[in-house]
Each structure stands twice: as C-alpha cells, then as structure tokens.
C-alpha atoms as a PDB file:
ATOM      1  CA  MET A   1     -19.860-153.290 335.665  1.00  0.00           C
ATOM      2  CA  SER A   2     -19.898-156.849 336.007  1.00  0.00           C
ATOM      3  CA  HIS A   3     -19.398-159.885 333.993  1.00  0.00           C
ATOM      4  CA  MET A   4     -22.589-160.858 332.026  1.00  0.00           C
ATOM      5  CA  ALA A   5     -22.901-164.451 331.459  1.00  0.00           C
ATOM      6  CA  HIS A   6     -20.024-165.317 333.826  1.00  0.00           C
ATOM      7  CA  ASP A   7     -21.458-164.950 337.249  1.00  0.00           C
ATOM      8  CA  ALA A   8     -20.304-167.318 340.161  1.00  0.00           C
ATOM      9  CA  THR A   9     -20.488-167.063 343.815  1.00  0.00           C
ATOM     10  CA  ASP A  10     -17.490-165.639 345.693  1.00  0.00           C
ATOM     11  CA  GLN A  11     -16.133-166.546 349.131  1.00  0.00           C
ATOM     12  CA  SER A  12     -18.598-164.094 350.624  1.00  0.00           C
ATOM     13  CA  GLY A  13     -21.588-165.636 348.799  1.00  0.00           C
ATOM     14  CA  GLU A  14     -22.037-162.706 346.757  1.00  0.00           C
ATOM     15  CA  ALA A  15     -22.886-163.078 343.089  1.00  0.00           C
ATOM     16  CA  GLY A  16     -19.728-162.033 340.954  1.00  0.00           C
ATOM     17  CA  PRO A  17     -17.673-162.540 338.146  1.00  0.00           C
ATOM     18  CA  LYS A  18     -15.432-165.415 337.149  1.00  0.00           C
ATOM     19  CA  PRO A  19     -12.279-165.172 335.691  1.00  0.00           C
ATOM     20  CA  TRP A  20     -12.180-163.399 332.377  1.00  0.00           C
ATOM     21  CA  SER A  21      -9.979-163.824 329.323  1.00  0.00           C
ATOM     22  CA  HIS A  22      -8.788-161.578 326.623  1.00  0.00           C
ATOM     23  CA  GLY A  23     -11.378-161.387 323.731  1.00  0.00           C
ATOM     24  CA  MET A  24     -14.677-162.504 325.644  1.00  0.00           C
ATOM     25  CA  PHE A  25     -17.703-160.218 325.985  1.00  0.00           C
ATOM     26  CA  TYR A  26     -17.565-159.261 329.495  1.00  0.00           C
ATOM     27  CA  TRP A  27     -20.290-156.883 330.359  1.00  0.00           C
ATOM     28  CA  ASN A  28     -23.641-155.253 328.920  1.00  0.00           C
ATOM     29  CA  GLU A  29     -24.566-151.806 329.832  1.00  0.00           C
ATOM     30  CA  LEU A  30     -27.443-149.645 329.200  1.00  0.00           C
ATOM     31  CA  MET A  31     -26.664-145.801 328.554  1.00  0.00           C
ATOM     32  CA  THR A  32     -29.779-143.672 329.128  1.00  0.00           C
ATOM     33  CA  ARG A  33     -30.883-140.205 330.185  1.00  0.00           C
ATOM     34  CA  ASP A  34     -33.632-141.709 332.203  1.00  0.00           C
ATOM     35  CA  ALA A  35     -32.447-144.510 334.367  1.00  0.00           C
ATOM     36  CA  GLU A  36     -35.710-144.648 336.406  1.00  0.00           C
ATOM     37  CA  ARG A  37     -37.780-145.135 333.459  1.00  0.00           C
ATOM     38  CA  ALA A  38     -35.216-147.808 332.022  1.00  0.00           C
ATOM     39  CA  CYS A  39     -35.200-149.728 335.300  1.00  0.00           C
ATOM     40  CA  LYS A  40     -38.979-149.736 335.345  1.00  0.00           C
ATOM     41  CA  PHE A  41     -39.273-150.887 331.924  1.00  0.00           C
ATOM     42  CA  TYR A  42     -36.870-153.830 332.300  1.00  0.00           C
ATOM     43  CA  GLY A  43     -38.052-154.794 335.871  1.00  0.00           C
ATOM     44  CA  ASP A  44     -41.814-154.803 334.494  1.00  0.00           C
ATOM     45  CA  SER A  45     -41.110-156.844 331.293  1.00  0.00           C
ATOM     46  CA  LEU A  46     -38.149-158.997 332.356  1.00  0.00           C
ATOM     47  CA  GLY A  47     -38.444-159.306 336.070  1.00  0.00           C
ATOM     48  CA  TRP A  48     -35.093-157.668 336.635  1.00  0.00           C
ATOM     49  CA  SER A  49     -34.240-156.004 339.892  1.00  0.00           C
ATOM     50  CA  PHE A  50     -31.956-153.227 340.314  1.00  0.00           C
ATOM     51  CA  ASP A  51     -29.366-152.338 343.171  1.00  0.00           C
ATOM     52  CA  PRO A  52     -28.251-148.704 343.005  1.00  0.00           C
ATOM     53  CA  MET A  53     -24.717-148.097 343.657  1.00  0.00           C
ATOM     54  CA  PRO A  54     -22.848-144.743 343.957  1.00  0.00           C
ATOM     55  CA  MET A  55     -20.256-144.389 341.405  1.00  0.00           C
ATOM     56  CA  PRO A  56     -16.605-143.122 342.180  1.00  0.00           C
ATOM     57  CA  THR A  57     -16.963-140.514 339.617  1.00  0.00           C
ATOM     58  CA  GLY A  58     -20.512-139.141 340.991  1.00  0.00           C
ATOM     59  CA  GLY A  59     -23.866-140.242 340.073  1.00  0.00           C
ATOM     60  CA  THR A  60     -25.571-143.776 340.488  1.00  0.00           C
ATOM     61  CA  TYR A  61     -24.962-146.839 338.592  1.00  0.00           C
ATOM     62  CA  TYR A  62     -27.801-149.619 338.753  1.00  0.00           C
ATOM     63  CA  LEU A  63     -26.952-153.327 338.932  1.00  0.00           C
ATOM     64  CA  ALA A  64     -29.460-155.345 336.934  1.00  0.00           C
ATOM     65  CA  LYS A  65     -30.007-158.706 338.519  1.00  0.00           C
ATOM     66  CA  ILE A  66     -32.454-161.686 337.835  1.00  0.00           C
ATOM     67  CA  ASP A  67     -32.575-164.460 340.649  1.00  0.00           C
ATOM     68  CA  GLY A  68     -29.655-162.886 342.396  1.00  0.00           C
ATOM     69  CA  GLN A  69     -27.355-163.053 339.442  1.00  0.00           C
ATOM     70  CA  MET A  70     -25.968-160.021 337.721  1.00  0.00           C
ATOM     71  CA  VAL A  71     -27.060-159.748 334.174  1.00  0.00           C
ATOM     72  CA  GLY A  72     -26.066-155.987 333.369  1.00  0.00           C
ATOM     73  CA  GLY A  73     -25.888-152.540 334.447  1.00  0.00           C
ATOM     74  CA  THR A  74     -27.728-149.092 333.700  1.00  0.00           C
ATOM     75  CA  MET A  75     -25.902-145.817 333.780  1.00  0.00           C
ATOM     76  CA  GLU A  76     -27.621-142.530 333.439  1.00  0.00           C
ATOM     77  CA  LEU A  77     -25.805-140.077 330.875  1.00  0.00           C
ATOM     78  CA  LYS A  78     -25.459-136.892 332.842  1.00  0.00           C
ATOM     79  CA  GLY A  79     -22.600-134.357 332.540  1.00  0.00           C
ATOM     80  CA  PRO A  80     -21.123-132.380 329.492  1.00  0.00           C
ATOM     81  CA  GLU A  81     -18.733-135.200 328.648  1.00  0.00           C
ATOM     82  CA  LEU A  82     -21.648-137.634 328.073  1.00  0.00           C
ATOM     83  CA  ALA A  83     -23.745-135.246 326.097  1.00  0.00           C
ATOM     84  CA  GLU A  84     -22.848-136.526 322.658  1.00  0.00           C
ATOM     85  CA  MET A  85     -22.998-140.165 323.822  1.00  0.00           C
ATOM     86  CA  PRO A  86     -26.164-141.953 322.295  1.00  0.00           C
ATOM     87  CA  GLU A  87     -28.783-143.937 324.448  1.00  0.00           C
ATOM     88  CA  GLY A  88     -28.423-147.612 324.039  1.00  0.00           C
ATOM     89  CA  TRP A  89     -27.006-151.002 324.935  1.00  0.00           C
ATOM     90  CA  ILE A  90     -23.012-151.163 324.772  1.00  0.00           C
ATOM     91  CA  ALA A  91     -21.181-154.232 325.014  1.00  0.00           C
ATOM     92  CA  TYR A  92     -17.721-154.562 326.361  1.00  0.00           C
ATOM     93  CA  ILE A  93     -15.036-156.912 325.547  1.00  0.00           C
ATOM     94  CA  ALA A  94     -12.260-157.650 328.074  1.00  0.00           C
ATOM     95  CA  VAL A  95      -8.823-157.143 326.735  1.00  0.00           C
ATOM     96  CA  ASP A  96      -5.455-157.846 328.005  1.00  0.00           C
ATOM     97  CA  ASP A  97      -4.092-154.180 327.733  1.00  0.00           C
ATOM     98  CA  VAL A  98      -6.615-151.854 326.745  1.00  0.00           C
ATOM     99  CA  ASP A  99      -4.050-148.936 325.871  1.00  0.00           C
ATOM    100  CA  ALA A 100      -2.196-151.125 323.418  1.00  0.00           C
ATOM    101  CA  ARG A 101      -5.182-152.676 322.016  1.00  0.00           C
ATOM    102  CA  VAL A 102      -6.802-149.121 321.376  1.00  0.00           C
ATOM    103  CA  GLU A 103      -3.544-148.332 319.438  1.00  0.00           C
ATOM    104  CA  LYS A 104      -3.959-151.267 317.265  1.00  0.00           C
ATOM    105  CA  ALA A 105      -7.729-150.636 316.919  1.00  0.00           C
ATOM    106  CA  LEU A 106      -6.849-146.827 315.775  1.00  0.00           C
ATOM    107  CA  LYS A 107      -4.189-148.018 313.163  1.00  0.00           C
ATOM    108  CA  ALA A 108      -7.052-150.565 312.086  1.00  0.00           C
ATOM    109  CA  GLY A 109      -9.625-147.706 311.454  1.00  0.00           C
ATOM    110  CA  ALA A 110     -11.390-147.376 314.791  1.00  0.00           C
ATOM    111  CA  THR A 111     -12.120-143.959 316.354  1.00  0.00           C
ATOM    112  CA  LEU A 112     -11.902-143.310 320.034  1.00  0.00           C
ATOM    113  CA  THR A 113     -15.409-141.852 321.236  1.00  0.00           C
ATOM    114  CA  ARG A 114     -14.062-140.732 324.406  1.00  0.00           C
ATOM    115  CA  PRO A 115     -10.604-140.597 326.180  1.00  0.00           C
ATOM    116  CA  ILE A 116      -9.663-143.942 328.040  1.00  0.00           C
ATOM    117  CA  PHE A 117     -10.535-143.819 331.724  1.00  0.00           C
ATOM    118  CA  ASP A 118     -10.044-145.633 334.735  1.00  0.00           C
ATOM    119  CA  ILE A 119     -13.100-146.679 337.225  1.00  0.00           C
ATOM    120  CA  PRO A 120     -11.285-147.624 340.397  1.00  0.00           C
ATOM    121  CA  GLY A 121     -11.940-151.208 341.472  1.00  0.00           C
ATOM    122  CA  ILE A 122     -13.739-152.036 338.117  1.00  0.00           C
ATOM    123  CA  GLY A 123     -10.911-151.472 335.350  1.00  0.00           C
ATOM    124  CA  ARG A 124      -9.335-149.293 332.399  1.00  0.00           C
ATOM    125  CA  ILE A 125     -11.939-148.608 329.642  1.00  0.00           C
ATOM    126  CA  ALA A 126     -11.960-147.311 326.123  1.00  0.00           C
ATOM    127  CA  MET A 127     -15.223-146.456 324.075  1.00  0.00           C
ATOM    128  CA  LEU A 128     -14.584-147.065 320.275  1.00  0.00           C
ATOM    129  CA  ARG A 129     -16.347-146.945 317.274  1.00  0.00           C
ATOM    130  CA  GLU A 130     -15.066-149.751 314.743  1.00  0.00           C
ATOM    131  CA  PRO A 131     -14.659-148.990 310.822  1.00  0.00           C
ATOM    132  CA  GLY A 132     -18.249-150.064 310.206  1.00  0.00           C
ATOM    133  CA  GLY A 133     -19.736-147.499 312.733  1.00  0.00           C
ATOM    134  CA  ALA A 134     -20.736-150.098 315.456  1.00  0.00           C
ATOM    135  CA  SER A 135     -19.883-148.972 318.978  1.00  0.00           C
ATOM    136  CA  ILE A 136     -17.961-151.054 321.428  1.00  0.00           C
ATOM    137  CA  GLY A 137     -16.316-150.918 324.883  1.00  0.00           C
ATOM    138  CA  TRP A 138     -12.988-152.363 325.587  1.00  0.00           C
ATOM    139  CA  MET A 139     -12.028-153.101 329.169  1.00  0.00           C
ATOM    140  CA  THR A 140      -8.962-154.281 331.078  1.00  0.00           C
ATOM    141  CA  PRO A 141     -10.661-155.528 334.159  1.00  0.00           C
ATOM    142  CA  ALA A 142      -9.195-154.491 337.634  1.00  0.00           C
ATOM    143  CA  ARG A 143      -7.294-157.283 339.081  1.00  0.00           C
ATOM    144  CA  GLY A 144      -7.862-158.899 342.754  1.00  0.00           C
END
C-alpha cells in the first residue's frame, strides 16, 4: 500500500508517500481474482506499469505506477480467508488509531468484514462495511 495522490520523493530518490493525517484518503487498491488480467487491462488502457513485490503474508502485490509515481495497488484474492471478498476497488482512509476508530464505527452501525490485521512495515488495517453498505478500508500507517 502507498499513498494515492500524496507521493513525494524520499532521500533515496524513490517515489513514496508524504506524511498522512487522520481522515484523509490514503490509498486505492484493486482486489481481484486475476491480477495478470487486471494489470494488463490498466496497463493497456491507462499506461500504468506494475512492480511486483512479495507480500509478507505470501503471494504477490502489484504496485501500479505512472511516470514513476505510485497510483494504487493490485492484490490477488487467494486463500480461504478471502473467498467471500468481492472483486473491486477499495479506498483506504488513514486513521489515528484503527482499533479505537473501529470500536466507534461498530457502535455507529458499521460491520467488520474481516478481523483487524497488521502488515509489517505498512500498518494496521480494518475492512469495514458502513451502514449504507459501502465497503471501506481504514488503516493506521506504520511509522518510520
């Protein structure tokens, strides 16, 4: 995961995220059962290139870039824990404390669509369905 419209260049010269703040849209990600097909479609139609990177939990994540800037990611839905997850784009909102914010969201009528999880070096993530039925990801990005 990266930061959608908030890319900068870090000290190494790599494209990367600027600092985030609570409540801002942070990242967009395509969840698909056929990453190869999706990468070909977005590459052919939008000119995106894709950098594969191994995920700490297994599998491959594809960082989408245009002109060297990260614009999103593609994750292949594999494994029994993702069998019920529908294909589609999901947006992530940065939050100051994902656990505390999820507690508030549940009280406000949201449902958690999978247990809160951590991705080392990326952050702590919750996948929610808000009371109107829309899916959204909330994450507290890793610091440092």
